Amino acid sequence: MKLHIIYTESTMLLSKKDYATWQDIQRDFPEFKASLGPWPCSEMAEYLSEEYPGISPSAQAQIAELRDSDSVFLEVRFVK
């Protein structure tokens, strides 16, 4: 499975939806700003862990949560 990071005006999401282009993502998210991916789960976890030290639970845990759920999107959570 490959994931996208989707940045909007108000949040950062992980998505397991298979998007062909960033324009397809923009159609799903009117507040779309940018996206990265698709990346394999291991690369996504590594990137999130390195770039976002405040991510909590861990990047691996949040990716596993999305992978194991019926949901297509997960809002990335950080230490408050």
C-alpha atoms as a PDB file:
ATOM      1  CA  MET A   1       0.000   0.000   0.000  1.00  0.00           C
ATOM      2  CA  LYS A   2       1.169   3.515  -0.805  1.00  0.00           C
ATOM      3  CA  LEU A   3       0.131   6.674   1.013  1.00  0.00           C
ATOM      4  CA  HIS A   4      -0.206  10.360   0.261  1.00  0.00           C
ATOM      5  CA  ILE A   5       0.265  13.242   2.682  1.00  0.00           C
ATOM      6  CA  ILE A   6      -2.355  15.898   1.986  1.00  0.00           C
ATOM      7  CA  TYR A   7      -1.893  19.408   3.335  1.00  0.00           C
ATOM      8  CA  THR A   8      -4.982  21.600   3.564  1.00  0.00           C
ATOM      9  CA  GLU A   9      -5.562  25.065   5.016  1.00  0.00           C
ATOM     10  CA  SER A  10      -6.387  23.538   8.395  1.00  0.00           C
ATOM     11  CA  THR A  11      -4.922  20.033   8.668  1.00  0.00           C
ATOM     12  CA  MET A  12      -2.506  17.392   7.469  1.00  0.00           C
ATOM     13  CA  LEU A  13      -3.961  14.061   6.353  1.00  0.00           C
ATOM     14  CA  LEU A  14      -2.703  10.657   5.369  1.00  0.00           C
ATOM     15  CA  SER A  15      -4.612   8.993   2.551  1.00  0.00           C
ATOM     16  CA  LYS A  16      -4.573   5.471   1.192  1.00  0.00           C
ATOM     17  CA  LYS A  17      -6.774   6.495  -1.729  1.00  0.00           C
ATOM     18  CA  ASP A  18      -5.081   5.913  -5.078  1.00  0.00           C
ATOM     19  CA  TYR A  19      -4.788   9.353  -6.693  1.00  0.00           C
ATOM     20  CA  ALA A  20      -3.377   9.764 -10.194  1.00  0.00           C
ATOM     21  CA  THR A  21      -2.641  13.505  -9.902  1.00  0.00           C
ATOM     22  CA  TRP A  22      -2.631  16.324  -7.364  1.00  0.00           C
ATOM     23  CA  GLN A  23      -5.625  17.768  -9.237  1.00  0.00           C
ATOM     24  CA  ASP A  24      -7.613  14.679  -8.240  1.00  0.00           C
ATOM     25  CA  ILE A  25      -6.715  15.337  -4.605  1.00  0.00           C
ATOM     26  CA  GLN A  26      -7.727  18.982  -4.982  1.00  0.00           C
ATOM     27  CA  ARG A  27     -11.173  17.889  -6.187  1.00  0.00           C
ATOM     28  CA  ASP A  28     -11.656  15.941  -2.928  1.00  0.00           C
ATOM     29  CA  PHE A  29     -10.306  18.737  -0.693  1.00  0.00           C
ATOM     30  CA  PRO A  30     -11.401  22.301  -1.492  1.00  0.00           C
ATOM     31  CA  GLU A  31      -8.856  23.654   1.055  1.00  0.00           C
ATOM     32  CA  PHE A  32      -6.016  21.712  -0.655  1.00  0.00           C
ATOM     33  CA  LYS A  33      -2.578  23.347  -0.476  1.00  0.00           C
ATOM     34  CA  ALA A  34      -0.080  20.596  -1.364  1.00  0.00           C
ATOM     35  CA  SER A  35       0.555  16.863  -1.311  1.00  0.00           C
ATOM     36  CA  LEU A  36       3.401  14.365  -1.219  1.00  0.00           C
ATOM     37  CA  GLY A  37       3.387  10.811  -2.451  1.00  0.00           C
ATOM     38  CA  PRO A  38       2.413   8.209  -3.119  1.00  0.00           C
ATOM     39  CA  TRP A  39       5.068   6.587  -0.946  1.00  0.00           C
ATOM     40  CA  PRO A  40       5.313   3.101   0.546  1.00  0.00           C
ATOM     41  CA  CYS A  41       4.313   2.971   4.220  1.00  0.00           C
ATOM     42  CA  SER A  42       7.899   2.493   5.412  1.00  0.00           C
ATOM     43  CA  GLU A  43       9.136   5.578   3.524  1.00  0.00           C
ATOM     44  CA  MET A  44       6.151   7.600   4.732  1.00  0.00           C
ATOM     45  CA  ALA A  45       6.848   6.613   8.351  1.00  0.00           C
ATOM     46  CA  GLU A  46      10.510   7.548   7.990  1.00  0.00           C
ATOM     47  CA  TYR A  47       9.663  10.930   6.452  1.00  0.00           C
ATOM     48  CA  LEU A  48       7.046  11.791   9.075  1.00  0.00           C
ATOM     49  CA  SER A  49       9.331  10.756  11.941  1.00  0.00           C
ATOM     50  CA  GLU A  50      12.210  12.874  10.644  1.00  0.00           C
ATOM     51  CA  GLU A  51      10.234  15.959   9.611  1.00  0.00           C
ATOM     52  CA  TYR A  52       7.663  16.034  12.420  1.00  0.00           C
ATOM     53  CA  PRO A  53       9.278  15.151  15.778  1.00  0.00           C
ATOM     54  CA  GLY A  54       6.048  16.196  17.546  1.00  0.00           C
ATOM     55  CA  ILE A  55       3.982  13.490  15.883  1.00  0.00           C
ATOM     56  CA  SER A  56       2.135  11.449  18.511  1.00  0.00           C
ATOM     57  CA  PRO A  57       1.298   8.622  18.503  1.00  0.00           C
ATOM     58  CA  SER A  58       4.292   7.621  16.390  1.00  0.00           C
ATOM     59  CA  ALA A  59       4.191   7.809  12.611  1.00  0.00           C
ATOM     60  CA  GLN A  60       4.304   4.012  12.445  1.00  0.00           C
ATOM     61  CA  ALA A  61       1.307   3.738  14.796  1.00  0.00           C
ATOM     62  CA  GLN A  62      -0.765   6.258  12.854  1.00  0.00           C
ATOM     63  CA  ILE A  63       0.056   4.570   9.544  1.00  0.00           C
ATOM     64  CA  ALA A  64      -0.896   1.177  11.006  1.00  0.00           C
ATOM     65  CA  GLU A  65      -4.160   2.679  12.280  1.00  0.00           C
ATOM     66  CA  LEU A  66      -5.018   3.910   8.789  1.00  0.00           C
ATOM     67  CA  ARG A  67      -3.882   0.677   7.131  1.00  0.00           C
ATOM     68  CA  ASP A  68      -6.051  -1.435   9.443  1.00  0.00           C
ATOM     69  CA  SER A  69      -9.155   0.761   9.268  1.00  0.00           C
ATOM     70  CA  ASP A  70     -11.956   0.999   6.736  1.00  0.00           C
ATOM     71  CA  SER A  71     -11.302   4.732   6.527  1.00  0.00           C
ATOM     72  CA  VAL A  72      -9.454   6.141   3.526  1.00  0.00           C
ATOM     73  CA  PHE A  73      -8.104   9.201   5.398  1.00  0.00           C
ATOM     74  CA  LEU A  74      -6.518   9.872   8.762  1.00  0.00           C
ATOM     75  CA  GLU A  75      -5.839  13.278  10.270  1.00  0.00           C
ATOM     76  CA  VAL A  76      -2.229  13.299  11.484  1.00  0.00           C
ATOM     77  CA  ARG A  77      -2.013  13.930  15.224  1.00  0.00           C
ATOM     78  CA  PHE A  78       0.706  15.731  17.167  1.00  0.00           C
ATOM     79  CA  VAL A  79       1.674  16.266  20.814  1.00  0.00           C
ATOM     80  CA  LYS A  80      -0.490  19.020  22.267  1.00  0.00           C
END
